């Protein structure tokens, strides 16, 4: 059974940093595109960032570009989200997701992802 387990969330002051990790129990992890989504209170779940199977291609929500960095280690079945210069509006539950295949131009689409983690809370205080 495939499981995605996120960690690294917490409470941080504005301007601070957090590093989220997501470990996937997928035998063929390198065959999966990975992504991070987030859901703020009272809002829908939104795309944050995605990375392709090799790690050579990434995508970011405009509001996090230059502050967040997605990466992956296929030897460790892990995807990361380094979050710097955090803002109160980044407060949300962050979810990692895995999908294979991800259709061209669709990596921001939640329906492309087959597996989801349980989420980790990120709270940024002002």
PDB file of N, CA and C in Angstrom:
ATOM      1  N   UNK A   1       0.842  -1.183   0.000  1.00  0.00           N
ATOM      2  CA  UNK A   1       0.000   0.000   0.000  1.00  0.00           C
ATOM      3  C   UNK A   1       0.883   1.240   0.000  1.00  0.00           C
ATOM      4  N   UNK A   2       0.580   2.167  -0.891  1.00  0.00           N
ATOM      5  CA  UNK A   2       1.384   3.379  -1.011  1.00  0.00           C
ATOM      6  C   UNK A   2       1.023   4.346   0.107  1.00  0.00           C
ATOM      7  N   UNK A   3       2.055   4.893   0.713  1.00  0.00           N
ATOM      8  CA  UNK A   3       1.865   5.914   1.736  1.00  0.00           C
ATOM      9  C   UNK A   3       2.808   7.067   1.487  1.00  0.00           C
ATOM     10  N   UNK A   4       2.310   8.272   1.707  1.00  0.00           N
ATOM     11  CA  UNK A   4       3.124   9.480   1.688  1.00  0.00           C
ATOM     12  C   UNK A   4       3.043  10.096   3.072  1.00  0.00           C
ATOM     13  N   UNK A   5       4.188  10.339   3.694  1.00  0.00           N
ATOM     14  CA  UNK A   5       4.209  10.870   5.045  1.00  0.00           C
ATOM     15  C   UNK A   5       4.994  12.166   5.061  1.00  0.00           C
ATOM     16  N   UNK A   6       4.292  13.262   5.366  1.00  0.00           N
ATOM     17  CA  UNK A   6       4.924  14.579   5.442  1.00  0.00           C
ATOM     18  C   UNK A   6       5.419  14.846   6.855  1.00  0.00           C
ATOM     19  N   UNK A   7       6.429  15.681   6.938  1.00  0.00           N
ATOM     20  CA  UNK A   7       6.934  16.150   8.228  1.00  0.00           C
ATOM     21  C   UNK A   7       7.604  17.494   8.025  1.00  0.00           C
ATOM     22  N   UNK A   8       7.894  18.159   9.163  1.00  0.00           N
ATOM     23  CA  UNK A   8       8.641  19.413   9.087  1.00  0.00           C
ATOM     24  C   UNK A   8       7.811  20.667   9.287  1.00  0.00           C
ATOM     25  N   UNK A   9       6.493  20.517   9.391  1.00  0.00           N
ATOM     26  CA  UNK A   9       5.669  21.684   9.642  1.00  0.00           C
ATOM     27  C   UNK A   9       5.849  22.198  11.054  1.00  0.00           C
ATOM     28  N   UNK A  10       5.247  23.361  11.319  1.00  0.00           N
ATOM     29  CA  UNK A  10       5.342  23.927  12.655  1.00  0.00           C
ATOM     30  C   UNK A  10       4.953  25.386  12.657  1.00  0.00           C
ATOM     31  N   UNK A  11       5.265  26.027  13.779  1.00  0.00           N
ATOM     32  CA  UNK A  11       4.981  27.455  13.971  1.00  0.00           C
ATOM     33  C   UNK A  11       6.271  28.236  13.793  1.00  0.00           C
ATOM     34  N   UNK A  12       6.223  29.272  12.978  1.00  0.00           N
ATOM     35  CA  UNK A  12       7.415  30.079  12.721  1.00  0.00           C
ATOM     36  C   UNK A  12       6.997  31.533  12.574  1.00  0.00           C
ATOM     37  N   UNK A  13       7.888  32.430  12.918  1.00  0.00           N
ATOM     38  CA  UNK A  13       7.605  33.851  12.742  1.00  0.00           C
ATOM     39  C   UNK A  13       7.781  34.256  11.281  1.00  0.00           C
ATOM     40  N   UNK A  14       7.099  35.311  10.897  1.00  0.00           N
ATOM     41  CA  UNK A  14       7.255  35.843   9.541  1.00  0.00           C
ATOM     42  C   UNK A  14       8.733  36.129   9.275  1.00  0.00           C
ATOM     43  N   UNK A  15       9.175  35.747   8.085  1.00  0.00           N
ATOM     44  CA  UNK A  15      10.572  35.896   7.721  1.00  0.00           C
ATOM     45  C   UNK A  15      11.407  34.667   7.992  1.00  0.00           C
ATOM     46  N   UNK A  16      10.836  33.726   8.721  1.00  0.00           N
ATOM     47  CA  UNK A  16      11.557  32.505   9.063  1.00  0.00           C
ATOM     48  C   UNK A  16      11.504  31.460   7.963  1.00  0.00           C
ATOM     49  N   UNK A  17      12.065  30.294   8.282  1.00  0.00           N
ATOM     50  CA  UNK A  17      12.173  29.210   7.299  1.00  0.00           C
ATOM     51  C   UNK A  17      11.706  27.891   7.898  1.00  0.00           C
ATOM     52  N   UNK A  18      11.223  27.042   7.032  1.00  0.00           N
ATOM     53  CA  UNK A  18      10.892  25.662   7.369  1.00  0.00           C
ATOM     54  C   UNK A  18      11.255  24.781   6.183  1.00  0.00           C
ATOM     55  N   UNK A  19      11.564  23.528   6.462  1.00  0.00           N
ATOM     56  CA  UNK A  19      11.816  22.549   5.402  1.00  0.00           C
ATOM     57  C   UNK A  19      10.864  21.385   5.580  1.00  0.00           C
ATOM     58  N   UNK A  20       9.987  21.220   4.629  1.00  0.00           N
ATOM     59  CA  UNK A  20       9.066  20.095   4.654  1.00  0.00           C
ATOM     60  C   UNK A  20       9.683  18.903   3.936  1.00  0.00           C
ATOM     61  N   UNK A  21       9.390  17.720   4.443  1.00  0.00           N
ATOM     62  CA  UNK A  21       9.831  16.476   3.805  1.00  0.00           C
ATOM     63  C   UNK A  21       8.618  15.583   3.587  1.00  0.00           C
ATOM     64  N   UNK A  22       8.699  14.775   2.558  1.00  0.00           N
ATOM     65  CA  UNK A  22       7.640  13.806   2.274  1.00  0.00           C
ATOM     66  C   UNK A  22       8.313  12.511   1.839  1.00  0.00           C
ATOM     67  N   UNK A  23       8.154  11.482   2.645  1.00  0.00           N
ATOM     68  CA  UNK A  23       8.716  10.177   2.330  1.00  0.00           C
ATOM     69  C   UNK A  23       7.625   9.298   1.738  1.00  0.00           C
ATOM     70  N   UNK A  24       7.930   8.706   0.591  1.00  0.00           N
ATOM     71  CA  UNK A  24       6.941   7.899  -0.119  1.00  0.00           C
ATOM     72  C   UNK A  24       7.326   6.428  -0.088  1.00  0.00           C
ATOM     73  N   UNK A  25       6.363   5.604   0.266  1.00  0.00           N
ATOM     74  CA  UNK A  25       6.587   4.155   0.242  1.00  0.00           C
ATOM     75  C   UNK A  25       6.160   3.628  -1.120  1.00  0.00           C
ATOM     76  N   UNK A  26       6.852   4.108  -2.152  1.00  0.00           N
ATOM     77  CA  UNK A  26       6.565   3.718  -3.532  1.00  0.00           C
ATOM     78  C   UNK A  26       7.800   3.020  -4.065  1.00  0.00           C
ATOM     79  N   UNK A  27       7.633   1.801  -4.546  1.00  0.00           N
ATOM     80  CA  UNK A  27       8.777   1.029  -5.018  1.00  0.00           C
ATOM     81  C   UNK A  27       9.445   1.708  -6.214  1.00  0.00           C
ATOM     82  N   UNK A  28       8.632   2.314  -7.076  1.00  0.00           N
ATOM     83  CA  UNK A  28       9.174   2.977  -8.265  1.00  0.00           C
ATOM     84  C   UNK A  28       9.045   4.484  -8.121  1.00  0.00           C
ATOM     85  N   UNK A  29       9.565   5.019  -7.053  1.00  0.00           N
ATOM     86  CA  UNK A  29       9.424   6.450  -6.741  1.00  0.00           C
ATOM     87  C   UNK A  29       9.895   7.318  -7.896  1.00  0.00           C
ATOM     88  N   UNK A  30      10.971   6.921  -8.537  1.00  0.00           N
ATOM     89  CA  UNK A  30      11.537   7.705  -9.626  1.00  0.00           C
ATOM     90  C   UNK A  30      10.630   7.810 -10.837  1.00  0.00           C
ATOM     91  N   UNK A  31       9.553   7.040 -10.879  1.00  0.00           N
ATOM     92  CA  UNK A  31       8.618   7.092 -11.995  1.00  0.00           C
ATOM     93  C   UNK A  31       7.482   8.084 -11.747  1.00  0.00           C
ATOM     94  N   UNK A  32       7.487   8.708 -10.579  1.00  0.00           N
ATOM     95  CA  UNK A  32       6.382   9.574 -10.181  1.00  0.00           C
ATOM     96  C   UNK A  32       6.778  11.040 -10.193  1.00  0.00           C
ATOM     97  N   UNK A  33       5.901  11.855 -10.780  1.00  0.00           N
ATOM     98  CA  UNK A  33       5.997  13.285 -10.563  1.00  0.00           C
ATOM     99  C   UNK A  33       5.471  13.589  -9.168  1.00  0.00           C
ATOM    100  N   UNK A  34       6.064  14.576  -8.529  1.00  0.00           N
ATOM    101  CA  UNK A  34       5.705  14.913  -7.154  1.00  0.00           C
ATOM    102  C   UNK A  34       5.304  16.385  -7.075  1.00  0.00           C
ATOM    103  N   UNK A  35       4.469  16.680  -6.112  1.00  0.00           N
ATOM    104  CA  UNK A  35       4.025  18.064  -5.960  1.00  0.00           C
ATOM    105  C   UNK A  35       3.660  18.350  -4.521  1.00  0.00           C
ATOM    106  N   UNK A  36       3.619  19.627  -4.203  1.00  0.00           N
ATOM    107  CA  UNK A  36       3.112  20.120  -2.935  1.00  0.00           C
ATOM    108  C   UNK A  36       1.896  20.998  -3.220  1.00  0.00           C
ATOM    109  N   UNK A  37       0.854  20.788  -2.422  1.00  0.00           N
ATOM    110  CA  UNK A  37      -0.341  21.616  -2.438  1.00  0.00           C
ATOM    111  C   UNK A  37      -0.561  22.128  -1.020  1.00  0.00           C
ATOM    112  N   UNK A  38      -1.390  23.140  -0.886  1.00  0.00           N
ATOM    113  CA  UNK A  38      -1.702  23.639   0.453  1.00  0.00           C
ATOM    114  C   UNK A  38      -3.161  24.070   0.527  1.00  0.00           C
ATOM    115  N   UNK A  39      -3.680  23.992   1.747  1.00  0.00           N
ATOM    116  CA  UNK A  39      -5.059  24.398   1.985  1.00  0.00           C
ATOM    117  C   UNK A  39      -5.106  25.282   3.213  1.00  0.00           C
ATOM    118  N   UNK A  40      -5.458  26.540   2.996  1.00  0.00           N
ATOM    119  CA  UNK A  40      -5.615  27.489   4.091  1.00  0.00           C
ATOM    120  C   UNK A  40      -7.019  27.360   4.672  1.00  0.00           C
ATOM    121  N   UNK A  41      -7.212  27.790   5.916  1.00  0.00           N
ATOM    122  CA  UNK A  41      -8.535  27.682   6.545  1.00  0.00           C
ATOM    123  C   UNK A  41      -9.614  28.359   5.711  1.00  0.00           C
ATOM    124  N   UNK A  42     -10.693  27.630   5.452  1.00  0.00           N
ATOM    125  CA  UNK A  42     -11.808  28.179   4.713  1.00  0.00           C
ATOM    126  C   UNK A  42     -11.598  28.308   3.219  1.00  0.00           C
ATOM    127  N   UNK A  43     -10.481  27.781   2.726  1.00  0.00           N
ATOM    128  CA  UNK A  43     -10.181  27.909   1.289  1.00  0.00           C
ATOM    129  C   UNK A  43      -9.989  26.531   0.661  1.00  0.00           C
ATOM    130  N   UNK A  44      -9.992  26.518  -0.666  1.00  0.00           N
ATOM    131  CA  UNK A  44      -9.754  25.283  -1.376  1.00  0.00           C
ATOM    132  C   UNK A  44      -8.256  24.946  -1.375  1.00  0.00           C
ATOM    133  N   UNK A  45      -7.982  23.683  -1.641  1.00  0.00           N
ATOM    134  CA  UNK A  45      -6.592  23.256  -1.733  1.00  0.00           C
ATOM    135  C   UNK A  45      -5.999  23.762  -3.050  1.00  0.00           C
ATOM    136  N   UNK A  46      -4.803  24.360  -2.972  1.00  0.00           N
ATOM    137  CA  UNK A  46      -4.174  24.983  -4.130  1.00  0.00           C
ATOM    138  C   UNK A  46      -2.797  24.410  -4.393  1.00  0.00           C
ATOM    139  N   UNK A  47      -2.403  24.485  -5.638  1.00  0.00           N
ATOM    140  CA  UNK A  47      -1.060  24.088  -6.053  1.00  0.00           C
ATOM    141  C   UNK A  47      -0.014  25.022  -5.458  1.00  0.00           C
ATOM    142  N   UNK A  48       1.134  24.453  -5.060  1.00  0.00           N
ATOM    143  CA  UNK A  48       2.272  25.248  -4.587  1.00  0.00           C
ATOM    144  C   UNK A  48       3.489  25.044  -5.487  1.00  0.00           C
ATOM    145  N   UNK A  49       3.854  23.772  -5.686  1.00  0.00           N
ATOM    146  CA  UNK A  49       5.071  23.495  -6.442  1.00  0.00           C
ATOM    147  C   UNK A  49       5.050  22.058  -6.934  1.00  0.00           C
ATOM    148  N   UNK A  50       5.747  21.805  -8.041  1.00  0.00           N
ATOM    149  CA  UNK A  50       5.843  20.457  -8.589  1.00  0.00           C
ATOM    150  C   UNK A  50       7.249  20.209  -9.113  1.00  0.00           C
ATOM    151  N   UNK A  51       7.596  18.934  -9.171  1.00  0.00           N
ATOM    152  CA  UNK A  51       8.909  18.535  -9.691  1.00  0.00           C
ATOM    153  C   UNK A  51       8.725  17.272 -10.519  1.00  0.00           C
ATOM    154  N   UNK A  52       9.454  17.180 -11.621  1.00  0.00           N
ATOM    155  CA  UNK A  52       9.282  16.004 -12.475  1.00  0.00           C
ATOM    156  C   UNK A  52      10.074  14.818 -11.929  1.00  0.00           C
ATOM    157  N   UNK A  53      10.022  13.712 -12.658  1.00  0.00           N
ATOM    158  CA  UNK A  53      10.575  12.453 -12.145  1.00  0.00           C
ATOM    159  C   UNK A  53      12.065  12.535 -11.864  1.00  0.00           C
ATOM    160  N   UNK A  54      12.802  13.217 -12.699  1.00  0.00           N
ATOM    161  CA  UNK A  54      14.251  13.276 -12.532  1.00  0.00           C
ATOM    162  C   UNK A  54      14.699  14.411 -11.635  1.00  0.00           C
ATOM    163  N   UNK A  55      13.804  15.365 -11.393  1.00  0.00           N
ATOM    164  CA  UNK A  55      14.169  16.547 -10.630  1.00  0.00           C
ATOM    165  C   UNK A  55      14.690  17.678 -11.494  1.00  0.00           C
ATOM    166  N   UNK A  56      14.696  17.479 -12.797  1.00  0.00           N
ATOM    167  CA  UNK A  56      15.257  18.470 -13.689  1.00  0.00           C
ATOM    168  C   UNK A  56      14.311  19.577 -14.091  1.00  0.00           C
ATOM    169  N   UNK A  57      13.044  19.434 -13.741  1.00  0.00           N
ATOM    170  CA  UNK A  57      12.051  20.445 -14.099  1.00  0.00           C
ATOM    171  C   UNK A  57      11.164  20.730 -12.909  1.00  0.00           C
ATOM    172  N   UNK A  58      10.980  22.002 -12.593  1.00  0.00           N
ATOM    173  CA  UNK A  58      10.165  22.403 -11.457  1.00  0.00           C
ATOM    174  C   UNK A  58       9.174  23.484 -11.870  1.00  0.00           C
ATOM    175  N   UNK A  59       8.179  23.665 -11.034  1.00  0.00           N
ATOM    176  CA  UNK A  59       7.139  24.661 -11.280  1.00  0.00           C
ATOM    177  C   UNK A  59       6.711  25.224  -9.937  1.00  0.00           C
ATOM    178  N   UNK A  60       6.364  26.508  -9.920  1.00  0.00           N
ATOM    179  CA  UNK A  60       6.005  27.159  -8.664  1.00  0.00           C
ATOM    180  C   UNK A  60       4.804  28.079  -8.855  1.00  0.00           C
ATOM    181  N   UNK A  61       3.995  28.135  -7.820  1.00  0.00           N
ATOM    182  CA  UNK A  61       2.984  29.162  -7.719  1.00  0.00           C
ATOM    183  C   UNK A  61       3.695  30.505  -7.721  1.00  0.00           C
ATOM    184  N   UNK A  62       3.141  31.474  -8.430  1.00  0.00           N
ATOM    185  CA  UNK A  62       3.822  32.749  -8.587  1.00  0.00           C
ATOM    186  C   UNK A  62       4.188  33.385  -7.249  1.00  0.00           C
ATOM    187  N   UNK A  63       3.315  33.291  -6.279  1.00  0.00           N
ATOM    188  CA  UNK A  63       3.530  33.977  -5.000  1.00  0.00           C
ATOM    189  C   UNK A  63       4.628  33.350  -4.149  1.00  0.00           C
ATOM    190  N   UNK A  64       5.103  32.157  -4.513  1.00  0.00           N
ATOM    191  CA  UNK A  64       6.178  31.525  -3.731  1.00  0.00           C
ATOM    192  C   UNK A  64       7.501  31.479  -4.498  1.00  0.00           C
ATOM    193  N   UNK A  65       7.485  31.911  -5.746  1.00  0.00           N
ATOM    194  CA  UNK A  65       8.721  31.907  -6.538  1.00  0.00           C
ATOM    195  C   UNK A  65       9.780  32.758  -5.868  1.00  0.00           C
ATOM    196  N   UNK A  66      10.997  32.235  -5.802  1.00  0.00           N
ATOM    197  CA  UNK A  66      12.092  32.944  -5.171  1.00  0.00           C
ATOM    198  C   UNK A  66      12.167  32.743  -3.672  1.00  0.00           C
ATOM    199  N   UNK A  67      11.118  32.180  -3.084  1.00  0.00           N
ATOM    200  CA  UNK A  67      11.115  31.909  -1.635  1.00  0.00           C
ATOM    201  C   UNK A  67      11.118  30.410  -1.336  1.00  0.00           C
ATOM    202  N   UNK A  68      10.429  29.637  -2.153  1.00  0.00           N
ATOM    203  CA  UNK A  68      10.322  28.196  -1.941  1.00  0.00           C
ATOM    204  C   UNK A  68      11.163  27.462  -2.980  1.00  0.00           C
ATOM    205  N   UNK A  69      11.710  26.321  -2.564  1.00  0.00           N
ATOM    206  CA  UNK A  69      12.466  25.467  -3.483  1.00  0.00           C
ATOM    207  C   UNK A  69      12.054  24.015  -3.279  1.00  0.00           C
ATOM    208  N   UNK A  70      11.632  23.384  -4.357  1.00  0.00           N
ATOM    209  CA  UNK A  70      11.281  21.968  -4.310  1.00  0.00           C
ATOM    210  C   UNK A  70      12.468  21.158  -4.815  1.00  0.00           C
ATOM    211  N   UNK A  71      12.684  20.008  -4.205  1.00  0.00           N
ATOM    212  CA  UNK A  71      13.757  19.119  -4.637  1.00  0.00           C
ATOM    213  C   UNK A  71      13.364  17.692  -4.284  1.00  0.00           C
ATOM    214  N   UNK A  72      14.106  16.746  -4.804  1.00  0.00           N
ATOM    215  CA  UNK A  72      13.813  15.351  -4.503  1.00  0.00           C
ATOM    216  C   UNK A  72      15.100  14.545  -4.460  1.00  0.00           C
ATOM    217  N   UNK A  73      15.055  13.469  -3.691  1.00  0.00           N
ATOM    218  CA  UNK A  73      16.155  12.520  -3.607  1.00  0.00           C
ATOM    219  C   UNK A  73      15.559  11.155  -3.907  1.00  0.00           C
ATOM    220  N   UNK A  74      15.731  10.695  -5.129  1.00  0.00           N
ATOM    221  CA  UNK A  74      15.100   9.429  -5.523  1.00  0.00           C
ATOM    222  C   UNK A  74      15.689   8.227  -4.794  1.00  0.00           C
ATOM    223  N   UNK A  75      16.926   8.348  -4.323  1.00  0.00           N
ATOM    224  CA  UNK A  75      17.529   7.251  -3.561  1.00  0.00           C
ATOM    225  C   UNK A  75      16.889   7.101  -2.185  1.00  0.00           C
ATOM    226  N   UNK A  76      16.289   8.196  -1.709  1.00  0.00           N
ATOM    227  CA  UNK A  76      15.650   8.188  -0.389  1.00  0.00           C
ATOM    228  C   UNK A  76      14.125   8.236  -0.472  1.00  0.00           C
ATOM    229  N   UNK A  77      13.587   8.168  -1.695  1.00  0.00           N
ATOM    230  CA  UNK A  77      12.129   8.231  -1.879  1.00  0.00           C
ATOM    231  C   UNK A  77      11.520   9.446  -1.183  1.00  0.00           C
ATOM    232  N   UNK A  78      12.202  10.573  -1.292  1.00  0.00           N
ATOM    233  CA  UNK A  78      11.801  11.759  -0.540  1.00  0.00           C
ATOM    234  C   UNK A  78      11.749  12.988  -1.441  1.00  0.00           C
ATOM    235  N   UNK A  79      10.731  13.806  -1.212  1.00  0.00           N
ATOM    236  CA  UNK A  79      10.636  15.110  -1.847  1.00  0.00           C
ATOM    237  C   UNK A  79      10.625  16.166  -0.740  1.00  0.00           C
ATOM    238  N   UNK A  80      11.251  17.296  -1.014  1.00  0.00           N
ATOM    239  CA  UNK A  80      11.399  18.356  -0.017  1.00  0.00           C
ATOM    240  C   UNK A  80      10.771  19.652  -0.530  1.00  0.00           C
ATOM    241  N   UNK A  81      10.407  20.502   0.428  1.00  0.00           N
ATOM    242  CA  UNK A  81      10.003  21.856   0.097  1.00  0.00           C
ATOM    243  C   UNK A  81      10.686  22.776   1.101  1.00  0.00           C
ATOM    244  N   UNK A  82      11.715  23.473   0.641  1.00  0.00           N
ATOM    245  CA  UNK A  82      12.399  24.458   1.468  1.00  0.00           C
ATOM    246  C   UNK A  82      11.645  25.769   1.342  1.00  0.00           C
ATOM    247  N   UNK A  83      11.198  26.290   2.475  1.00  0.00           N
ATOM    248  CA  UNK A  83      10.388  27.502   2.485  1.00  0.00           C
ATOM    249  C   UNK A  83      11.123  28.582   3.263  1.00  0.00           C
ATOM    250  N   UNK A  84      11.507  29.635   2.590  1.00  0.00           N
ATOM    251  CA  UNK A  84      12.201  30.759   3.200  1.00  0.00           C
ATOM    252  C   UNK A  84      11.340  32.010   3.130  1.00  0.00           C
ATOM    253  N   UNK A  85      11.706  33.000   3.919  1.00  0.00           N
ATOM    254  CA  UNK A  85      10.988  34.288   3.925  1.00  0.00           C
ATOM    255  C   UNK A  85       9.482  34.066   4.046  1.00  0.00           C
ATOM    256  N   UNK A  86       9.108  33.243   4.985  1.00  0.00           N
ATOM    257  CA  UNK A  86       7.702  32.884   5.133  1.00  0.00           C
ATOM    258  C   UNK A  86       6.858  34.082   5.527  1.00  0.00           C
ATOM    259  N   UNK A  87       5.624  34.079   5.046  1.00  0.00           N
ATOM    260  CA  UNK A  87       4.672  35.156   5.293  1.00  0.00           C
ATOM    261  C   UNK A  87       3.432  34.565   5.966  1.00  0.00           C
ATOM    262  N   UNK A  88       2.682  35.378   6.693  1.00  0.00           N
ATOM    263  CA  UNK A  88       1.452  34.865   7.319  1.00  0.00           C
ATOM    264  C   UNK A  88       0.502  34.222   6.315  1.00  0.00           C
ATOM    265  N   UNK A  89       0.485  34.711   5.091  1.00  0.00           N
ATOM    266  CA  UNK A  89      -0.409  34.142   4.080  1.00  0.00           C
ATOM    267  C   UNK A  89       0.043  32.763   3.598  1.00  0.00           C
ATOM    268  N   UNK A  90       1.205  32.310   4.032  1.00  0.00           N
ATOM    269  CA  UNK A  90       1.638  30.941   3.725  1.00  0.00           C
ATOM    270  C   UNK A  90       1.056  29.926   4.707  1.00  0.00           C
ATOM    271  N   UNK A  91       0.381  30.415   5.735  1.00  0.00           N
ATOM    272  CA  UNK A  91      -0.225  29.532   6.718  1.00  0.00           C
ATOM    273  C   UNK A  91      -1.250  28.612   6.064  1.00  0.00           C
ATOM    274  N   UNK A  92      -1.066  27.308   6.253  1.00  0.00           N
ATOM    275  CA  UNK A  92      -1.938  26.320   5.610  1.00  0.00           C
ATOM    276  C   UNK A  92      -1.509  24.932   6.047  1.00  0.00           C
ATOM    277  N   UNK A  93      -2.335  23.959   5.699  1.00  0.00           N
ATOM    278  CA  UNK A  93      -1.907  22.573   5.765  1.00  0.00           C
ATOM    279  C   UNK A  93      -1.288  22.237   4.415  1.00  0.00           C
ATOM    280  N   UNK A  94      -0.071  21.705   4.455  1.00  0.00           N
ATOM    281  CA  UNK A  94       0.667  21.393   3.228  1.00  0.00           C
ATOM    282  C   UNK A  94       0.613  19.886   2.988  1.00  0.00           C
ATOM    283  N   UNK A  95       0.268  19.530   1.740  1.00  0.00           N
ATOM    284  CA  UNK A  95       0.133  18.141   1.347  1.00  0.00           C
ATOM    285  C   UNK A  95       1.122  17.819   0.226  1.00  0.00           C
ATOM    286  N   UNK A  96       1.744  16.653   0.307  1.00  0.00           N
ATOM    287  CA  UNK A  96       2.498  16.202  -0.857  1.00  0.00           C
ATOM    288  C   UNK A  96       1.653  15.205  -1.636  1.00  0.00           C
ATOM    289  N   UNK A  97       1.941  15.103  -2.920  1.00  0.00           N
ATOM    290  CA  UNK A  97       1.167  14.259  -3.813  1.00  0.00           C
ATOM    291  C   UNK A  97       2.083  13.617  -4.842  1.00  0.00           C
ATOM    292  N   UNK A  98       1.704  12.413  -5.277  1.00  0.00           N
ATOM    293  CA  UNK A  98       2.489  11.671  -6.264  1.00  0.00           C
ATOM    294  C   UNK A  98       1.579  11.227  -7.398  1.00  0.00           C
ATOM    295  N   UNK A  99       2.073  11.336  -8.620  1.00  0.00           N
ATOM    296  CA  UNK A  99       1.282  10.914  -9.766  1.00  0.00           C
ATOM    297  C   UNK A  99       2.140  10.355 -10.871  1.00  0.00           C
ATOM    298  N   UNK A 100       1.601   9.366 -11.591  1.00  0.00           N
ATOM    299  CA  UNK A 100       2.296   8.800 -12.742  1.00  0.00           C
ATOM    300  C   UNK A 100       1.295   8.222 -13.715  1.00  0.00           C
ATOM    301  N   UNK A 101       1.322   8.633 -14.985  1.00  0.00           N
ATOM    302  CA  UNK A 101       2.119   9.756 -15.446  1.00  0.00           C
ATOM    303  C   UNK A 101       1.396  11.084 -15.213  1.00  0.00           C
ATOM    304  N   UNK A 102       2.160  12.152 -15.231  1.00  0.00           N
ATOM    305  CA  UNK A 102       1.597  13.490 -15.186  1.00  0.00           C
ATOM    306  C   UNK A 102       1.537  13.992 -16.620  1.00  0.00           C
ATOM    307  N   UNK A 103       0.337  14.267 -17.107  1.00  0.00           N
ATOM    308  CA  UNK A 103       0.188  14.703 -18.486  1.00  0.00           C
ATOM    309  C   UNK A 103       0.821  16.078 -18.696  1.00  0.00           C
ATOM    310  N   UNK A 104       1.302  16.284 -19.889  1.00  0.00           N
ATOM    311  CA  UNK A 104       2.010  17.513 -20.228  1.00  0.00           C
ATOM    312  C   UNK A 104       1.140  18.720 -19.929  1.00  0.00           C
ATOM    313  N   UNK A 105       1.684  19.658 -19.184  1.00  0.00           N
ATOM    314  CA  UNK A 105       0.965  20.882 -18.872  1.00  0.00           C
ATOM    315  C   UNK A 105      -0.076  20.742 -17.784  1.00  0.00           C
ATOM    316  N   UNK A 106      -0.130  19.581 -17.120  1.00  0.00           N
ATOM    317  CA  UNK A 106      -1.192  19.347 -16.140  1.00  0.00           C
ATOM    318  C   UNK A 106      -0.658  19.185 -14.723  1.00  0.00           C
ATOM    319  N   UNK A 107       0.587  19.502 -14.452  1.00  0.00           N
ATOM    320  CA  UNK A 107       1.146  19.204 -13.141  1.00  0.00           C
ATOM    321  C   UNK A 107       0.599  20.075 -12.030  1.00  0.00           C
ATOM    322  N   UNK A 108      -0.159  21.096 -12.358  1.00  0.00           N
ATOM    323  CA  UNK A 108      -0.829  21.893 -11.324  1.00  0.00           C
ATOM    324  C   UNK A 108      -2.227  21.359 -11.025  1.00  0.00           C
ATOM    325  N   UNK A 109      -2.642  20.346 -11.748  1.00  0.00           N
ATOM    326  CA  UNK A 109      -3.999  19.811 -11.633  1.00  0.00           C
ATOM    327  C   UNK A 109      -4.037  18.691 -10.599  1.00  0.00           C
ATOM    328  N   UNK A 110      -4.834  18.850  -9.557  1.00  0.00           N
ATOM    329  CA  UNK A 110      -4.877  17.857  -8.481  1.00  0.00           C
ATOM    330  C   UNK A 110      -5.317  16.488  -8.982  1.00  0.00           C
ATOM    331  N   UNK A 111      -6.116  16.453 -10.017  1.00  0.00           N
ATOM    332  CA  UNK A 111      -6.627  15.178 -10.519  1.00  0.00           C
ATOM    333  C   UNK A 111      -5.535  14.325 -11.172  1.00  0.00           C
ATOM    334  N   UNK A 112      -4.359  14.913 -11.430  1.00  0.00           N
ATOM    335  CA  UNK A 112      -3.249  14.159 -12.008  1.00  0.00           C
ATOM    336  C   UNK A 112      -2.522  13.305 -10.976  1.00  0.00           C
ATOM    337  N   UNK A 113      -2.807  13.516  -9.720  1.00  0.00           N
ATOM    338  CA  UNK A 113      -2.053  12.866  -8.649  1.00  0.00           C
ATOM    339  C   UNK A 113      -2.858  11.732  -8.035  1.00  0.00           C
ATOM    340  N   UNK A 114      -2.191  10.586  -7.906  1.00  0.00           N
ATOM    341  CA  UNK A 114      -2.847   9.366  -7.455  1.00  0.00           C
ATOM    342  C   UNK A 114      -2.803   9.184  -5.947  1.00  0.00           C
ATOM    343  N   UNK A 115      -1.744   9.695  -5.338  1.00  0.00           N
ATOM    344  CA  UNK A 115      -1.538   9.459  -3.903  1.00  0.00           C
ATOM    345  C   UNK A 115      -1.275  10.779  -3.190  1.00  0.00           C
ATOM    346  N   UNK A 116      -1.795  10.846  -1.959  1.00  0.00           N
ATOM    347  CA  UNK A 116      -1.694  12.054  -1.164  1.00  0.00           C
ATOM    348  C   UNK A 116      -1.262  11.712   0.253  1.00  0.00           C
ATOM    349  N   UNK A 117      -0.501  12.631   0.844  1.00  0.00           N
ATOM    350  CA  UNK A 117      -0.171  12.496   2.251  1.00  0.00           C
ATOM    351  C   UNK A 117      -1.287  13.032   3.132  1.00  0.00           C
ATOM    352  N   UNK A 118      -1.071  12.929   4.436  1.00  0.00           N
ATOM    353  CA  UNK A 118      -2.084  13.355   5.403  1.00  0.00           C
ATOM    354  C   UNK A 118      -2.006  14.846   5.695  1.00  0.00           C
ATOM    355  N   UNK A 119      -0.919  15.472   5.294  1.00  0.00           N
ATOM    356  CA  UNK A 119      -0.764  16.907   5.499  1.00  0.00           C
ATOM    357  C   UNK A 119       0.039  17.247   6.733  1.00  0.00           C
ATOM    358  N   UNK A 120       0.703  18.393   6.673  1.00  0.00           N
ATOM    359  CA  UNK A 120       1.441  18.919   7.815  1.00  0.00           C
ATOM    360  C   UNK A 120       1.118  20.405   7.938  1.00  0.00           C
ATOM    361  N   UNK A 121       0.856  20.838   9.156  1.00  0.00           N
ATOM    362  CA  UNK A 121       0.431  22.220   9.405  1.00  0.00           C
ATOM    363  C   UNK A 121       1.629  23.162   9.423  1.00  0.00           C
ATOM    364  N   UNK A 122       1.508  24.237   8.683  1.00  0.00           N
ATOM    365  CA  UNK A 122       2.490  25.323   8.722  1.00  0.00           C
ATOM    366  C   UNK A 122       1.751  26.586   9.164  1.00  0.00           C
ATOM    367  N   UNK A 123       2.222  27.185  10.240  1.00  0.00           N
ATOM    368  CA  UNK A 123       1.625  28.404  10.761  1.00  0.00           C
ATOM    369  C   UNK A 123       2.693  29.480  10.851  1.00  0.00           C
ATOM    370  N   UNK A 124       2.437  30.610  10.203  1.00  0.00           N
ATOM    371  CA  UNK A 124       3.385  31.718  10.190  1.00  0.00           C
ATOM    372  C   UNK A 124       2.749  32.883  10.936  1.00  0.00           C
ATOM    373  N   UNK A 125       3.379  33.282  12.016  1.00  0.00           N
ATOM    374  CA  UNK A 125       2.857  34.387  12.817  1.00  0.00           C
ATOM    375  C   UNK A 125       3.468  35.704  12.362  1.00  0.00           C
ATOM    376  N   UNK A 126       2.687  36.758  12.510  1.00  0.00           N
ATOM    377  CA  UNK A 126       3.154  38.085  12.070  1.00  0.00           C
ATOM    378  C   UNK A 126       3.868  38.824  13.182  1.00  0.00           C
TER     379      UNK A 126
END
